[in-house]
C-alpha atoms as a PDB file:
ATOM      1  CA  MET A   1      17.277  11.248 -36.586  1.00  0.00           C
ATOM      2  CA  ALA A   2      16.680  12.086 -33.038  1.00  0.00           C
ATOM      3  CA  ARG A   3      13.253  13.384 -33.752  1.00  0.00           C
ATOM      4  CA  LYS A   4      12.281  10.144 -35.449  1.00  0.00           C
ATOM      5  CA  GLU A   5      13.587   8.066 -32.739  1.00  0.00           C
ATOM      6  CA  GLN A   6      11.638  10.044 -30.204  1.00  0.00           C
ATOM      7  CA  ALA A   7       8.345   9.744 -32.320  1.00  0.00           C
ATOM      8  CA  ALA A   8       9.108   5.878 -32.416  1.00  0.00           C
ATOM      9  CA  SER A   9       9.383   5.507 -28.980  1.00  0.00           C
ATOM     10  CA  SER A  10       6.413   7.592 -28.165  1.00  0.00           C
ATOM     11  CA  ALA A  11       4.441   5.535 -30.714  1.00  0.00           C
ATOM     12  CA  SER A  12       5.546   2.465 -28.954  1.00  0.00           C
ATOM     13  CA  GLU A  13       4.502   3.599 -25.356  1.00  0.00           C
ATOM     14  CA  ASN A  14       0.988   4.588 -26.470  1.00  0.00           C
ATOM     15  CA  PRO A  15      -0.296   1.325 -27.319  1.00  0.00           C
ATOM     16  CA  GLY A  16       1.340  -0.146 -23.864  1.00  0.00           C
ATOM     17  CA  ARG A  17      -0.860   2.478 -22.263  1.00  0.00           C
ATOM     18  CA  LEU A  18      -3.850   2.038 -24.139  1.00  0.00           C
ATOM     19  CA  LYS A  19      -3.598  -1.709 -23.519  1.00  0.00           C
ATOM     20  CA  GLN A  20      -3.126  -0.993 -19.798  1.00  0.00           C
ATOM     21  CA  ILE A  21      -6.290   1.321 -19.693  1.00  0.00           C
ATOM     22  CA  ALA A  22      -8.189  -1.495 -21.440  1.00  0.00           C
ATOM     23  CA  LEU A  23      -7.003  -4.217 -19.004  1.00  0.00           C
ATOM     24  CA  THR A  24      -7.776  -1.682 -16.141  1.00  0.00           C
ATOM     25  CA  TYR A  25     -11.273  -1.110 -17.555  1.00  0.00           C
ATOM     26  CA  LYS A  26     -11.913  -4.857 -17.830  1.00  0.00           C
ATOM     27  CA  MET A  27     -10.834  -5.690 -14.351  1.00  0.00           C
ATOM     28  CA  THR A  28     -13.015  -2.744 -12.917  1.00  0.00           C
ATOM     29  CA  ARG A  29     -15.952  -3.991 -14.906  1.00  0.00           C
ATOM     30  CA  LYS A  30     -15.703  -7.338 -13.333  1.00  0.00           C
ATOM     31  CA  ALA A  31     -16.190  -5.624  -9.748  1.00  0.00           C
ATOM     32  CA  ASP A  32     -18.533  -2.940 -10.901  1.00  0.00           C
ATOM     33  CA  PRO A  33     -20.462  -4.164 -13.922  1.00  0.00           C
ATOM     34  CA  ARG A  34     -22.078  -0.350 -14.349  1.00  0.00           C
ATOM     35  CA  ILE A  35     -18.669   0.860 -14.941  1.00  0.00           C
ATOM     36  CA  GLY A  36     -19.639   1.677 -18.718  1.00  0.00           C
ATOM     37  CA  LEU A  37     -22.922   3.204 -17.862  1.00  0.00           C
ATOM     38  CA  ILE A  38     -21.750   5.185 -15.115  1.00  0.00           C
ATOM     39  CA  LEU A  39     -18.744   6.845 -17.167  1.00  0.00           C
ATOM     40  CA  ALA A  40     -21.134   7.439 -20.106  1.00  0.00           C
ATOM     41  CA  ALA A  41     -23.403   9.368 -17.913  1.00  0.00           C
ATOM     42  CA  VAL A  42     -20.668  11.594 -16.518  1.00  0.00           C
ATOM     43  CA  PHE A  43     -19.469  12.502 -19.784  1.00  0.00           C
ATOM     44  CA  ILE A  44     -22.837  13.260 -21.470  1.00  0.00           C
ATOM     45  CA  GLY A  45     -23.998  15.088 -18.010  1.00  0.00           C
ATOM     46  CA  VAL A  46     -21.000  17.361 -18.029  1.00  0.00           C
ATOM     47  CA  PHE A  47     -20.766  18.148 -21.718  1.00  0.00           C
ATOM     48  CA  GLY A  48     -24.600  18.486 -22.206  1.00  0.00           C
ATOM     49  CA  VAL A  49     -24.817  21.155 -19.247  1.00  0.00           C
ATOM     50  CA  LEU A  50     -21.644  23.417 -20.444  1.00  0.00           C
ATOM     51  CA  LEU A  51     -23.222  23.125 -24.115  1.00  0.00           C
ATOM     52  CA  ALA A  52     -26.681  24.368 -22.963  1.00  0.00           C
ATOM     53  CA  ILE A  53     -25.045  27.193 -21.175  1.00  0.00           C
ATOM     54  CA  GLY A  54     -23.127  28.007 -24.416  1.00  0.00           C
ATOM     55  CA  PHE A  55     -26.350  28.154 -26.357  1.00  0.00           C
ATOM     56  CA  LEU A  56     -27.866  30.429 -23.821  1.00  0.00           C
ATOM     57  CA  ILE A  57     -25.250  32.953 -23.643  1.00  0.00           C
ATOM     58  CA  ASP A  58     -24.448  32.650 -27.525  1.00  0.00           C
ATOM     59  CA  PHE A  59     -21.149  30.991 -26.892  1.00  0.00           C
ATOM     60  CA  PRO A  60     -22.018  27.038 -28.026  1.00  0.00           C
ATOM     61  CA  VAL A  61     -18.566  26.604 -29.634  1.00  0.00           C
ATOM     62  CA  TYR A  62     -16.397  27.728 -27.063  1.00  0.00           C
ATOM     63  CA  LEU A  63     -18.457  26.404 -24.429  1.00  0.00           C
ATOM     64  CA  GLY A  64     -18.856  22.988 -26.188  1.00  0.00           C
ATOM     65  CA  ILE A  65     -15.010  22.738 -26.577  1.00  0.00           C
ATOM     66  CA  LEU A  66     -14.667  23.500 -22.776  1.00  0.00           C
ATOM     67  CA  GLY A  67     -17.457  21.213 -21.877  1.00  0.00           C
ATOM     68  CA  PHE A  68     -15.643  18.182 -23.824  1.00  0.00           C
ATOM     69  CA  LEU A  69     -12.406  18.834 -22.085  1.00  0.00           C
ATOM     70  CA  LEU A  70     -14.173  19.074 -18.845  1.00  0.00           C
ATOM     71  CA  ALA A  71     -16.342  16.045 -19.485  1.00  0.00           C
ATOM     72  CA  PHE A  72     -13.238  14.063 -20.223  1.00  0.00           C
ATOM     73  CA  LEU A  73     -11.633  15.147 -17.266  1.00  0.00           C
ATOM     74  CA  ALA A  74     -14.359  14.408 -15.081  1.00  0.00           C
ATOM     75  CA  THR A  75     -14.951  10.907 -16.703  1.00  0.00           C
ATOM     76  CA  ALA A  76     -11.226   9.997 -16.002  1.00  0.00           C
ATOM     77  CA  ILE A  77     -11.481  11.097 -12.400  1.00  0.00           C
ATOM     78  CA  VAL A  78     -14.275   9.130 -11.817  1.00  0.00           C
ATOM     79  CA  PHE A  79     -12.981   5.939 -13.647  1.00  0.00           C
ATOM     80  CA  GLY A  80      -9.826   6.415 -11.566  1.00  0.00           C
ATOM     81  CA  ARG A  81     -11.571   6.118  -8.247  1.00  0.00           C
ATOM     82  CA  ARG A  82     -13.869   3.420  -9.084  1.00  0.00           C
ATOM     83  CA  ALA A  83     -11.039   1.342 -10.755  1.00  0.00           C
ATOM     84  CA  GLU A  84      -9.195   1.882  -7.281  1.00  0.00           C
ATOM     85  CA  ARG A  85     -12.012   0.823  -5.307  1.00  0.00           C
ATOM     86  CA  ALA A  86     -12.477  -2.616  -7.553  1.00  0.00           C
ATOM     87  CA  ALA A  87      -8.720  -3.171  -7.119  1.00  0.00           C
ATOM     88  CA  PHE A  88      -9.117  -2.505  -3.373  1.00  0.00           C
ATOM     89  CA  GLY A  89     -12.029  -4.899  -3.002  1.00  0.00           C
ATOM     90  CA  GLN A  90      -9.966  -7.687  -4.931  1.00  0.00           C
ATOM     91  CA  MET A  91      -7.007  -7.410  -2.835  1.00  0.00           C
ATOM     92  CA  GLU A  92      -9.034  -7.164   0.628  1.00  0.00           C
ATOM     93  CA  GLY A  93      -8.391 -10.169   2.584  1.00  0.00           C
ATOM     94  CA  GLN A  94      -5.556 -11.720   0.313  1.00  0.00           C
ATOM     95  CA  PRO A  95      -2.263 -12.294   1.953  1.00  0.00           C
ATOM     96  CA  GLY A  96       0.191  -9.521   1.442  1.00  0.00           C
ATOM     97  CA  ALA A  97      -2.456  -6.778   0.433  1.00  0.00           C
ATOM     98  CA  ALA A  98      -1.152  -4.428   2.882  1.00  0.00           C
ATOM     99  CA  ALA A  99       2.482  -4.945   1.554  1.00  0.00           C
ATOM    100  CA  ALA A 100       1.305  -3.877  -1.862  1.00  0.00           C
ATOM    101  CA  VAL A 101      -0.325  -0.820  -0.476  1.00  0.00           C
ATOM    102  CA  LEU A 102       2.803   0.008   1.544  1.00  0.00           C
ATOM    103  CA  ASP A 103       5.019  -0.195  -1.614  1.00  0.00           C
ATOM    104  CA  ASN A 104       2.954   2.639  -3.249  1.00  0.00           C
ATOM    105  CA  ILE A 105       2.716   4.884  -0.188  1.00  0.00           C
ATOM    106  CA  GLY A 106       4.926   7.367  -1.628  1.00  0.00           C
ATOM    107  CA  ARG A 107       8.161   9.078  -1.127  1.00  0.00           C
ATOM    108  CA  GLY A 108       9.831   9.432   2.357  1.00  0.00           C
ATOM    109  CA  TRP A 109       8.776   5.998   3.436  1.00  0.00           C
ATOM    110  CA  THR A 110      10.791   2.949   3.632  1.00  0.00           C
ATOM    111  CA  THR A 111       8.838  -0.347   3.923  1.00  0.00           C
ATOM    112  CA  THR A 112       9.760  -3.742   5.083  1.00  0.00           C
ATOM    113  CA  PRO A 113       7.219  -6.316   4.227  1.00  0.00           C
ATOM    114  CA  ALA A 114       6.814  -9.328   6.309  1.00  0.00           C
ATOM    115  CA  VAL A 115       9.185  -8.649   9.321  1.00  0.00           C
ATOM    116  CA  ALA A 116       7.280 -11.071  11.372  1.00  0.00           C
ATOM    117  CA  MET A 117       4.906 -14.087  10.420  1.00  0.00           C
ATOM    118  CA  ASN A 118       3.491 -17.024  12.229  1.00  0.00           C
ATOM    119  CA  ARG A 119       2.168 -20.438  10.590  1.00  0.00           C
ATOM    120  CA  ASN A 120      -1.279 -19.236  10.020  1.00  0.00           C
ATOM    121  CA  GLN A 121       0.139 -16.371   7.465  1.00  0.00           C
ATOM    122  CA  ASP A 122      -0.484 -13.642   9.895  1.00  0.00           C
ATOM    123  CA  VAL A 123       1.966 -11.003   9.056  1.00  0.00           C
ATOM    124  CA  VAL A 124       3.526  -7.627  10.304  1.00  0.00           C
ATOM    125  CA  HIS A 125       4.954  -5.250   7.683  1.00  0.00           C
ATOM    126  CA  ARG A 126       7.215  -2.234   8.676  1.00  0.00           C
ATOM    127  CA  ALA A 127       7.394   1.281   7.414  1.00  0.00           C
ATOM    128  CA  VAL A 128       9.622   4.023   8.832  1.00  0.00           C
ATOM    129  CA  GLY A 129       8.970   7.522   7.706  1.00  0.00           C
ATOM    130  CA  LYS A 130       8.993  10.971   9.273  1.00  0.00           C
ATOM    131  CA  ALA A 131       5.704   9.889  11.320  1.00  0.00           C
ATOM    132  CA  GLY A 132       8.202   7.448  12.909  1.00  0.00           C
ATOM    133  CA  ILE A 133       7.745   3.700  12.892  1.00  0.00           C
ATOM    134  CA  VAL A 134       4.488   2.152  11.490  1.00  0.00           C
ATOM    135  CA  LEU A 135       3.875  -1.718  12.077  1.00  0.00           C
ATOM    136  CA  VAL A 136       0.983  -2.821   9.829  1.00  0.00           C
ATOM    137  CA  ALA A 137      -0.332  -6.116  10.621  1.00  0.00           C
ATOM    138  CA  GLU A 138      -2.869  -8.414   8.488  1.00  0.00           C
ATOM    139  CA  GLY A 139      -4.475 -11.538   9.697  1.00  0.00           C
ATOM    140  CA  ASN A 140      -6.531 -12.653  12.755  1.00  0.00           C
ATOM    141  CA  PRO A 141      -6.944  -9.781  15.017  1.00  0.00           C
ATOM    142  CA  ASN A 142      -6.234 -11.966  18.114  1.00  0.00           C
ATOM    143  CA  ARG A 143      -3.157 -13.700  16.745  1.00  0.00           C
ATOM    144  CA  VAL A 144      -1.545 -10.501  15.210  1.00  0.00           C
ATOM    145  CA  LYS A 145      -1.667  -8.856  18.613  1.00  0.00           C
ATOM    146  CA  SER A 146       0.930 -10.967  20.108  1.00  0.00           C
ATOM    147  CA  LEU A 147       3.005 -10.672  16.879  1.00  0.00           C
ATOM    148  CA  LEU A 148       3.073  -6.832  17.207  1.00  0.00           C
ATOM    149  CA  ALA A 149       3.829  -7.131  20.819  1.00  0.00           C
ATOM    150  CA  ALA A 150       6.811  -9.351  20.315  1.00  0.00           C
ATOM    151  CA  GLU A 151       8.030  -6.897  17.390  1.00  0.00           C
ATOM    152  CA  LYS A 152       7.734  -3.766  19.688  1.00  0.00           C
ATOM    153  CA  LYS A 153       9.757  -5.336  22.177  1.00  0.00           C
ATOM    154  CA  LYS A 154      12.422  -6.309  19.794  1.00  0.00           C
ATOM    155  CA  MET A 155      12.784  -2.775  18.582  1.00  0.00           C
ATOM    156  CA  ALA A 156      12.566  -1.195  21.827  1.00  0.00           C
ATOM    157  CA  ARG A 157      16.103  -2.031  22.469  1.00  0.00           C
ATOM    158  CA  ILE A 158      17.343  -0.536  19.165  1.00  0.00           C
ATOM    159  CA  VAL A 159      14.862   2.502  18.607  1.00  0.00           C
ATOM    160  CA  ILE A 160      14.013   3.713  22.141  1.00  0.00           C
ATOM    161  CA  ASP A 161      13.848   7.552  21.133  1.00  0.00           C
ATOM    162  CA  VAL A 162      11.416   6.803  18.015  1.00  0.00           C
ATOM    163  CA  PRO A 163       7.573   6.464  18.256  1.00  0.00           C
ATOM    164  CA  VAL A 164       6.046   3.246  16.986  1.00  0.00           C
ATOM    165  CA  HIS A 165       2.306   3.241  15.901  1.00  0.00           C
ATOM    166  CA  ASP A 166       0.692  -0.207  15.030  1.00  0.00           C
ATOM    167  CA  LEU A 167      -2.250  -0.835  12.582  1.00  0.00           C
ATOM    168  CA  ILE A 168      -4.168  -3.518  11.676  1.00  0.00           C
ATOM    169  CA  VAL A 169      -5.877  -3.976   8.657  1.00  0.00           C
ATOM    170  CA  GLY A 170      -9.334  -4.932   8.580  1.00  0.00           C
ATOM    171  CA  ARG A 171     -13.037  -3.885   8.644  1.00  0.00           C
ATOM    172  CA  ASP A 172     -13.539  -4.557  12.366  1.00  0.00           C
ATOM    173  CA  GLU A 173     -14.207  -1.928  14.872  1.00  0.00           C
ATOM    174  CA  GLY A 174     -10.513  -0.053  15.787  1.00  0.00           C
ATOM    175  CA  GLN A 175      -9.189  -1.621  12.655  1.00  0.00           C
ATOM    176  CA  VAL A 176      -8.079   0.315   9.183  1.00  0.00           C
ATOM    177  CA  PRO A 177      -9.744  -0.662   6.017  1.00  0.00           C
ATOM    178  CA  LEU A 178      -7.376  -1.581   3.282  1.00  0.00           C
ATOM    179  CA  LYS A 179      -8.492   1.422   1.040  1.00  0.00           C
ATOM    180  CA  LYS A 180      -7.771   3.671   3.877  1.00  0.00           C
ATOM    181  CA  LEU A 181      -4.450   2.313   4.955  1.00  0.00           C
ATOM    182  CA  ARG A 182      -2.455   4.832   2.977  1.00  0.00           C
ATOM    183  CA  THR A 183      -4.333   7.861   3.880  1.00  0.00           C
ATOM    184  CA  THR A 184      -4.235   7.032   7.566  1.00  0.00           C
ATOM    185  CA  MET A 185      -0.513   6.711   7.467  1.00  0.00           C
ATOM    186  CA  LEU A 186      -0.048   9.971   6.051  1.00  0.00           C
ATOM    187  CA  LYS A 187      -2.067  11.769   8.595  1.00  0.00           C
ATOM    188  CA  LEU A 188       0.195  10.703  11.306  1.00  0.00           C
ATOM    189  CA  PRO A 189       2.037  13.495  12.902  1.00  0.00           C
ATOM    190  CA  ARG A 190       5.647  13.971  11.385  1.00  0.00           C
ATOM    191  CA  VAL A 191       8.166  14.149  14.539  1.00  0.00           C
ATOM    192  CA  LEU A 192      11.345  12.949  12.782  1.00  0.00           C
ATOM    193  CA  SER A 193      13.688  14.684  10.342  1.00  0.00           C
ATOM    194  CA  GLY A 194      15.071  13.428   7.502  1.00  0.00           C
ATOM    195  CA  PRO A 195      18.364  12.560   9.293  1.00  0.00           C
ATOM    196  CA  GLN A 196      16.704  10.841  12.050  1.00  0.00           C
ATOM    197  CA  VAL A 197      14.679   9.039   9.603  1.00  0.00           C
ATOM    198  CA  THR A 198      17.654   7.779   7.719  1.00  0.00           C
ATOM    199  CA  ALA A 199      19.398   6.888  11.325  1.00  0.00           C
ATOM    200  CA  THR A 200      16.292   5.082  12.294  1.00  0.00           C
ATOM    201  CA  ASN A 201      16.387   2.866   9.223  1.00  0.00           C
ATOM    202  CA  ASP A 202      20.162   2.110   9.440  1.00  0.00           C
ATOM    203  CA  ARG A 203      19.355   0.750  13.181  1.00  0.00           C
ATOM    204  CA  LEU A 204      16.575  -1.327  12.084  1.00  0.00           C
ATOM    205  CA  LYS A 205      18.687  -2.737   9.188  1.00  0.00           C
ATOM    206  CA  ALA A 206      21.670  -3.489  11.436  1.00  0.00           C
ATOM    207  CA  MET A 207      19.111  -5.196  13.879  1.00  0.00           C
ATOM    208  CA  GLY A 208      17.854  -7.158  10.934  1.00  0.00           C
ATOM    209  CA  ASP A 209      21.448  -8.220   9.947  1.00  0.00           C
ATOM    210  CA  MET A 210      22.295  -8.947  13.327  1.00  0.00           C
ATOM    211  CA  MET A 211      19.304 -11.402  13.642  1.00  0.00           C
ATOM    212  CA  SER A 212      20.202 -13.147  10.267  1.00  0.00           C
ATOM    213  CA  ARG A 213      23.639 -13.780  11.309  1.00  0.00           C
ATOM    214  CA  MET A 214      22.971 -15.299  14.887  1.00  0.00           C
ATOM    215  CA  PRO A 215      24.084 -18.825  14.801  1.00  0.00           C
ATOM    216  CA  ILE A 216      21.431 -21.444  15.248  1.00  0.00           C
ATOM    217  CA  PRO A 217      22.581 -24.243  17.538  1.00  0.00           C
ATOM    218  CA  LYS A 218      22.759 -27.771  16.290  1.00  0.00           C
ATOM    219  CA  GLY A 219      21.484 -30.818  17.960  1.00  0.00           C
ATOM    220  CA  PRO A 220      18.089 -31.076  19.838  1.00  0.00           C
ATOM    221  CA  MET A 221      17.170 -28.133  21.731  1.00  0.00           C
ATOM    222  CA  PRO A 222      17.218 -28.574  25.771  1.00  0.00           C
ATOM    223  CA  GLY A 223      13.854 -30.209  27.008  1.00  0.00           C
ATOM    224  CA  SER A 224      13.268 -31.979  23.633  1.00  0.00           C
ATOM    225  CA  LYS A 225      13.066 -35.893  23.570  1.00  0.00           C
ATOM    226  CA  GLY A 226      16.345 -36.314  21.941  1.00  0.00           C
ATOM    227  CA  ALA A 227      18.069 -34.301  24.283  1.00  0.00           C
ATOM    228  CA  ARG A 228      20.567 -35.672  26.438  1.00  0.00           C
ATOM    229  CA  MET A 229      21.636 -34.545  30.190  1.00  0.00           C
ATOM    230  CA  PRO A 230      25.494 -34.150  30.728  1.00  0.00           C
ATOM    231  CA  ARG A 231      26.835 -37.311  32.264  1.00  0.00           C
ATOM    232  CA  GLY A 232      28.202 -36.442  35.835  1.00  0.00           C
ATOM    233  CA  LYS A 233      27.978 -37.608  39.207  1.00  0.00           C
ATOM    234  CA  MET A 234      25.047 -36.015  41.411  1.00  0.00           C
ATOM    235  CA  ARG A 235      26.082 -34.330  44.435  1.00  0.00           C
END
């Protein structure tokens, strides 16, 4: 019974995987119409070269099998890279694209999307890892600088001894392209230990909880048109 259930579960998973591959191929083909020709050229090229070598050294069967496996592997690698490039191309410029990359950065990182935002949908995300705190901003470069400065000032009261890095996602000079965001963060020097990362996350979480629990004063703010000065005698 156990073997039958395992076979049934694997059979149900395979159509899902094939469907996912098909959807990925369709998405990639929209951004890269030549993807089919490129994959076919890679497969035929690798397989043909190894098969030709097999005939030259009188081992066509063995080299043919090896060539088929290597051709399949090379095709899969090329397809994966071009699919990733197409996905980044579609995500680039969309609000929240950097947050999607941060969610898949890997183990050892804790990400918090949209820790700061303005009315123009410029946003700052936060990631904490052994490299310290990384603030990732996406939006107008001139506007996000003020968001980054305000977030750094707020965190300076809580995490004084933790390095803070700031990155702006974009294609201009001094910015990080979306497709290079993950590799850029992984290249940052690791200066914190595991317990220090945990402590930093706890401090930032406590800061967020404290900010969310702060009471909002009711009534008009001082200086607004509806504000009334307290009555009393002028001295």
